[in-house]
Amino acid sequence: MAKYRQNLPQLANRTFLSDGGMETTLIFHEGLDLPHFASFTLMATPEGRQKLREYYVRYL
């Protein structure tokens, strides 16, 4: 049951990137239309992929 408990990526001594409220930020702060709060739809266009890049750069 706890097979990987000691091998979780966030416990390693390296960067572990996670976001915080991506869909909320993209909808209410960036003004994007995300049907059903689904951010994966942004992967369908170059502009959408750029928005995702811009979102994650803030965490670096």
PDB file of N, CA and C in Angstrom:
ATOM      1  N   MET A   1       0.811  -1.196   0.000  1.00  0.00           N
ATOM      2  CA  MET A   1       0.000   0.000   0.000  1.00  0.00           C
ATOM      3  C   MET A   1       0.859   1.266   0.000  1.00  0.00           C
ATOM      4  N   ALA A   2       1.915   1.294   0.760  1.00  0.00           N
ATOM      5  CA  ALA A   2       2.764   2.483   0.837  1.00  0.00           C
ATOM      6  C   ALA A   2       4.080   2.243   0.114  1.00  0.00           C
ATOM      7  N   LYS A   3       4.016   1.581  -1.004  1.00  0.00           N
ATOM      8  CA  LYS A   3       5.208   1.158  -1.734  1.00  0.00           C
ATOM      9  C   LYS A   3       6.141   2.314  -2.081  1.00  0.00           C
ATOM     10  N   TYR A   4       5.602   3.455  -2.471  1.00  0.00           N
ATOM     11  CA  TYR A   4       6.435   4.570  -2.926  1.00  0.00           C
ATOM     12  C   TYR A   4       6.508   5.719  -1.924  1.00  0.00           C
ATOM     13  N   ARG A   5       6.076   5.491  -0.713  1.00  0.00           N
ATOM     14  CA  ARG A   5       6.028   6.557   0.293  1.00  0.00           C
ATOM     15  C   ARG A   5       7.387   7.226   0.496  1.00  0.00           C
ATOM     16  N   GLN A   6       8.462   6.488   0.420  1.00  0.00           N
ATOM     17  CA  GLN A   6       9.795   7.051   0.630  1.00  0.00           C
ATOM     18  C   GLN A   6      10.436   7.532  -0.669  1.00  0.00           C
ATOM     19  N   ASN A   7       9.727   7.430  -1.786  1.00  0.00           N
ATOM     20  CA  ASN A   7      10.293   7.795  -3.079  1.00  0.00           C
ATOM     21  C   ASN A   7       9.403   8.795  -3.825  1.00  0.00           C
ATOM     22  N   LEU A   8       8.810   9.729  -3.106  1.00  0.00           N
ATOM     23  CA  LEU A   8       7.950  10.734  -3.723  1.00  0.00           C
ATOM     24  C   LEU A   8       8.805  11.861  -4.292  1.00  0.00           C
ATOM     25  N   PRO A   9       8.467  12.388  -5.461  1.00  0.00           N
ATOM     26  CA  PRO A   9       9.307  13.416  -6.093  1.00  0.00           C
ATOM     27  C   PRO A   9       9.461  14.671  -5.245  1.00  0.00           C
ATOM     28  N   GLN A  10       8.441  15.049  -4.494  1.00  0.00           N
ATOM     29  CA  GLN A  10       8.539  16.253  -3.677  1.00  0.00           C
ATOM     30  C   GLN A  10       9.453  16.080  -2.461  1.00  0.00           C
ATOM     31  N   LEU A  11       9.855  14.853  -2.169  1.00  0.00           N
ATOM     32  CA  LEU A  11      10.766  14.607  -1.051  1.00  0.00           C
ATOM     33  C   LEU A  11      12.223  14.549  -1.494  1.00  0.00           C
ATOM     34  N   ALA A  12      12.454  14.549  -2.793  1.00  0.00           N
ATOM     35  CA  ALA A  12      13.821  14.496  -3.319  1.00  0.00           C
ATOM     36  C   ALA A  12      14.487  15.860  -3.168  1.00  0.00           C
ATOM     37  N   ASN A  13      15.770  15.878  -3.275  1.00  0.00           N
ATOM     38  CA  ASN A  13      16.529  17.118  -3.138  1.00  0.00           C
ATOM     39  C   ASN A  13      16.692  17.785  -4.511  1.00  0.00           C
ATOM     40  N   ARG A  14      15.555  18.057  -5.150  1.00  0.00           N
ATOM     41  CA  ARG A  14      15.567  18.740  -6.447  1.00  0.00           C
ATOM     42  C   ARG A  14      14.249  19.504  -6.599  1.00  0.00           C
ATOM     43  N   THR A  15      14.195  20.343  -7.606  1.00  0.00           N
ATOM     44  CA  THR A  15      13.016  21.168  -7.818  1.00  0.00           C
ATOM     45  C   THR A  15      11.797  20.305  -8.126  1.00  0.00           C
ATOM     46  N   PHE A  16      10.699  20.633  -7.472  1.00  0.00           N
ATOM     47  CA  PHE A  16       9.422  19.973  -7.714  1.00  0.00           C
ATOM     48  C   PHE A  16       8.415  21.076  -7.982  1.00  0.00           C
ATOM     49  N   LEU A  17       7.955  21.205  -9.218  1.00  0.00           N
ATOM     50  CA  LEU A  17       7.068  22.282  -9.627  1.00  0.00           C
ATOM     51  C   LEU A  17       5.614  21.853  -9.531  1.00  0.00           C
ATOM     52  N   SER A  18       4.835  22.674  -8.864  1.00  0.00           N
ATOM     53  CA  SER A  18       3.402  22.448  -8.765  1.00  0.00           C
ATOM     54  C   SER A  18       2.711  23.797  -8.916  1.00  0.00           C
ATOM     55  N   ASP A  19       1.499  23.777  -9.416  1.00  0.00           N
ATOM     56  CA  ASP A  19       0.785  25.042  -9.580  1.00  0.00           C
ATOM     57  C   ASP A  19      -0.226  25.215  -8.463  1.00  0.00           C
ATOM     58  N   GLY A  20      -0.822  26.376  -8.420  1.00  0.00           N
ATOM     59  CA  GLY A  20      -1.829  26.645  -7.401  1.00  0.00           C
ATOM     60  C   GLY A  20      -3.029  27.376  -7.988  1.00  0.00           C
ATOM     61  N   GLY A  21      -4.046  26.652  -8.397  1.00  0.00           N
ATOM     62  CA  GLY A  21      -5.260  27.277  -8.904  1.00  0.00           C
ATOM     63  C   GLY A  21      -5.168  27.756 -10.332  1.00  0.00           C
ATOM     64  N   MET A  22      -4.594  26.941 -11.191  1.00  0.00           N
ATOM     65  CA  MET A  22      -4.365  27.350 -12.578  1.00  0.00           C
ATOM     66  C   MET A  22      -5.647  27.796 -13.275  1.00  0.00           C
ATOM     67  N   GLU A  23      -6.681  26.991 -13.232  1.00  0.00           N
ATOM     68  CA  GLU A  23      -7.894  27.329 -13.964  1.00  0.00           C
ATOM     69  C   GLU A  23      -8.513  28.621 -13.443  1.00  0.00           C
ATOM     70  N   THR A  24      -8.546  28.790 -12.137  1.00  0.00           N
ATOM     71  CA  THR A  24      -9.089  30.018 -11.555  1.00  0.00           C
ATOM     72  C   THR A  24      -8.298  31.227 -12.018  1.00  0.00           C
ATOM     73  N   THR A  25      -6.987  31.125 -12.001  1.00  0.00           N
ATOM     74  CA  THR A  25      -6.134  32.226 -12.451  1.00  0.00           C
ATOM     75  C   THR A  25      -6.366  32.537 -13.919  1.00  0.00           C
ATOM     76  N   LEU A  26      -6.390  31.519 -14.757  1.00  0.00           N
ATOM     77  CA  LEU A  26      -6.554  31.741 -16.193  1.00  0.00           C
ATOM     78  C   LEU A  26      -7.919  32.339 -16.533  1.00  0.00           C
ATOM     79  N   ILE A  27      -8.951  31.931 -15.841  1.00  0.00           N
ATOM     80  CA  ILE A  27     -10.290  32.444 -16.119  1.00  0.00           C
ATOM     81  C   ILE A  27     -10.481  33.851 -15.555  1.00  0.00           C
ATOM     82  N   PHE A  28     -10.191  34.034 -14.269  1.00  0.00           N
ATOM     83  CA  PHE A  28     -10.542  35.288 -13.612  1.00  0.00           C
ATOM     84  C   PHE A  28      -9.466  36.366 -13.696  1.00  0.00           C
ATOM     85  N   HIS A  29      -8.214  35.988 -13.850  1.00  0.00           N
ATOM     86  CA  HIS A  29      -7.148  36.991 -13.949  1.00  0.00           C
ATOM     87  C   HIS A  29      -6.693  37.225 -15.386  1.00  0.00           C
ATOM     88  N   GLU A  30      -6.729  36.181 -16.199  1.00  0.00           N
ATOM     89  CA  GLU A  30      -6.289  36.299 -17.590  1.00  0.00           C
ATOM     90  C   GLU A  30      -7.461  36.465 -18.559  1.00  0.00           C
ATOM     91  N   GLY A  31      -8.682  36.229 -18.089  1.00  0.00           N
ATOM     92  CA  GLY A  31      -9.860  36.407 -18.933  1.00  0.00           C
ATOM     93  C   GLY A  31     -10.054  35.344 -20.000  1.00  0.00           C
ATOM     94  N   LEU A  32      -9.464  34.168 -19.796  1.00  0.00           N
ATOM     95  CA  LEU A  32      -9.603  33.094 -20.785  1.00  0.00           C
ATOM     96  C   LEU A  32     -10.916  32.344 -20.594  1.00  0.00           C
ATOM     97  N   ASP A  33     -11.415  31.782 -21.666  1.00  0.00           N
ATOM     98  CA  ASP A  33     -12.612  30.952 -21.616  1.00  0.00           C
ATOM     99  C   ASP A  33     -12.178  29.490 -21.550  1.00  0.00           C
ATOM    100  N   LEU A  34     -12.421  28.856 -20.420  1.00  0.00           N
ATOM    101  CA  LEU A  34     -12.077  27.442 -20.250  1.00  0.00           C
ATOM    102  C   LEU A  34     -13.372  26.662 -20.034  1.00  0.00           C
ATOM    103  N   PRO A  35     -13.882  26.020 -21.069  1.00  0.00           N
ATOM    104  CA  PRO A  35     -15.122  25.254 -20.920  1.00  0.00           C
ATOM    105  C   PRO A  35     -14.991  24.203 -19.815  1.00  0.00           C
ATOM    106  N   HIS A  36     -15.923  24.224 -18.894  1.00  0.00           N
ATOM    107  CA  HIS A  36     -15.960  23.267 -17.781  1.00  0.00           C
ATOM    108  C   HIS A  36     -14.675  23.296 -16.950  1.00  0.00           C
ATOM    109  N   PHE A  37     -14.018  24.450 -16.885  1.00  0.00           N
ATOM    110  CA  PHE A  37     -12.782  24.611 -16.098  1.00  0.00           C
ATOM    111  C   PHE A  37     -11.665  23.702 -16.607  1.00  0.00           C
ATOM    112  N   ALA A  38     -11.674  23.351 -17.893  1.00  0.00           N
ATOM    113  CA  ALA A  38     -10.725  22.391 -18.459  1.00  0.00           C
ATOM    114  C   ALA A  38      -9.563  23.108 -19.136  1.00  0.00           C
ATOM    115  N   SER A  39      -8.452  23.213 -18.449  1.00  0.00           N
ATOM    116  CA  SER A  39      -7.293  23.926 -19.004  1.00  0.00           C
ATOM    117  C   SER A  39      -6.574  23.134 -20.091  1.00  0.00           C
ATOM    118  N   PHE A  40      -6.791  21.826 -20.156  1.00  0.00           N
ATOM    119  CA  PHE A  40      -6.109  21.038 -21.189  1.00  0.00           C
ATOM    120  C   PHE A  40      -6.515  21.474 -22.592  1.00  0.00           C
ATOM    121  N   THR A  41      -7.647  22.138 -22.735  1.00  0.00           N
ATOM    122  CA  THR A  41      -8.078  22.612 -24.052  1.00  0.00           C
ATOM    123  C   THR A  41      -7.111  23.648 -24.625  1.00  0.00           C
ATOM    124  N   LEU A  42      -6.325  24.282 -23.777  1.00  0.00           N
ATOM    125  CA  LEU A  42      -5.351  25.273 -24.246  1.00  0.00           C
ATOM    126  C   LEU A  42      -4.230  24.630 -25.056  1.00  0.00           C
ATOM    127  N   MET A  43      -4.028  23.341 -24.897  1.00  0.00           N
ATOM    128  CA  MET A  43      -2.974  22.651 -25.641  1.00  0.00           C
ATOM    129  C   MET A  43      -3.280  22.558 -27.139  1.00  0.00           C
ATOM    130  N   ALA A  44      -4.492  22.856 -27.537  1.00  0.00           N
ATOM    131  CA  ALA A  44      -4.912  22.696 -28.931  1.00  0.00           C
ATOM    132  C   ALA A  44      -4.409  23.798 -29.859  1.00  0.00           C
ATOM    133  N   THR A  45      -3.969  24.925 -29.298  1.00  0.00           N
ATOM    134  CA  THR A  45      -3.527  26.034 -30.154  1.00  0.00           C
ATOM    135  C   THR A  45      -2.177  26.567 -29.685  1.00  0.00           C
ATOM    136  N   PRO A  46      -1.419  27.163 -30.588  1.00  0.00           N
ATOM    137  CA  PRO A  46      -0.147  27.781 -30.184  1.00  0.00           C
ATOM    138  C   PRO A  46      -0.352  28.887 -29.143  1.00  0.00           C
ATOM    139  N   GLU A  47      -1.421  29.656 -29.295  1.00  0.00           N
ATOM    140  CA  GLU A  47      -1.701  30.726 -28.336  1.00  0.00           C
ATOM    141  C   GLU A  47      -2.009  30.155 -26.953  1.00  0.00           C
ATOM    142  N   GLY A  48      -2.768  29.076 -26.926  1.00  0.00           N
ATOM    143  CA  GLY A  48      -3.095  28.432 -25.658  1.00  0.00           C
ATOM    144  C   GLY A  48      -1.858  27.871 -24.979  1.00  0.00           C
ATOM    145  N   ARG A  49      -0.988  27.241 -25.753  1.00  0.00           N
ATOM    146  CA  ARG A  49       0.258  26.703 -25.189  1.00  0.00           C
ATOM    147  C   ARG A  49       1.133  27.827 -24.649  1.00  0.00           C
ATOM    148  N   GLN A  50       1.134  28.965 -25.321  1.00  0.00           N
ATOM    149  CA  GLN A  50       1.901  30.112 -24.831  1.00  0.00           C
ATOM    150  C   GLN A  50       1.336  30.611 -23.501  1.00  0.00           C
ATOM    151  N   LYS A  51       0.020  30.641 -23.370  1.00  0.00           N
ATOM    152  CA  LYS A  51      -0.604  31.058 -22.105  1.00  0.00           C
ATOM    153  C   LYS A  51      -0.196  30.114 -20.972  1.00  0.00           C
ATOM    154  N   LEU A  52      -0.130  28.818 -21.263  1.00  0.00           N
ATOM    155  CA  LEU A  52       0.299  27.862 -20.241  1.00  0.00           C
ATOM    156  C   LEU A  52       1.758  28.087 -19.859  1.00  0.00           C
ATOM    157  N   ARG A  53       2.610  28.346 -20.843  1.00  0.00           N
ATOM    158  CA  ARG A  53       4.020  28.657 -20.555  1.00  0.00           C
ATOM    159  C   ARG A  53       4.116  29.879 -19.650  1.00  0.00           C
ATOM    160  N   GLU A  54       3.387  30.931 -20.006  1.00  0.00           N
ATOM    161  CA  GLU A  54       3.415  32.165 -19.216  1.00  0.00           C
ATOM    162  C   GLU A  54       2.931  31.917 -17.794  1.00  0.00           C
ATOM    163  N   TYR A  55       1.933  31.064 -17.646  1.00  0.00           N
ATOM    164  CA  TYR A  55       1.421  30.744 -16.315  1.00  0.00           C
ATOM    165  C   TYR A  55       2.495  30.055 -15.468  1.00  0.00           C
ATOM    166  N   TYR A  56       3.147  29.043 -16.032  1.00  0.00           N
ATOM    167  CA  TYR A  56       4.119  28.273 -15.260  1.00  0.00           C
ATOM    168  C   TYR A  56       5.422  29.016 -15.014  1.00  0.00           C
ATOM    169  N   VAL A  57       5.791  29.942 -15.880  1.00  0.00           N
ATOM    170  CA  VAL A  57       7.025  30.718 -15.686  1.00  0.00           C
ATOM    171  C   VAL A  57       6.979  31.473 -14.358  1.00  0.00           C
ATOM    172  N   ARG A  58       5.813  31.860 -13.923  1.00  0.00           N
ATOM    173  CA  ARG A  58       5.673  32.590 -12.646  1.00  0.00           C
ATOM    174  C   ARG A  58       6.149  31.767 -11.453  1.00  0.00           C
ATOM    175  N   TYR A  59       6.163  30.470 -11.598  1.00  0.00           N
ATOM    176  CA  TYR A  59       6.561  29.598 -10.494  1.00  0.00           C
ATOM    177  C   TYR A  59       8.056  29.309 -10.465  1.00  0.00           C
ATOM    178  N   LEU A  60       8.767  29.729 -11.486  1.00  0.00           N
ATOM    179  CA  LEU A  60      10.201  29.426 -11.545  1.00  0.00           C
ATOM    180  C   LEU A  60      11.033  30.491 -10.876  1.00  0.00           C
TER     181      LEU A  60
END
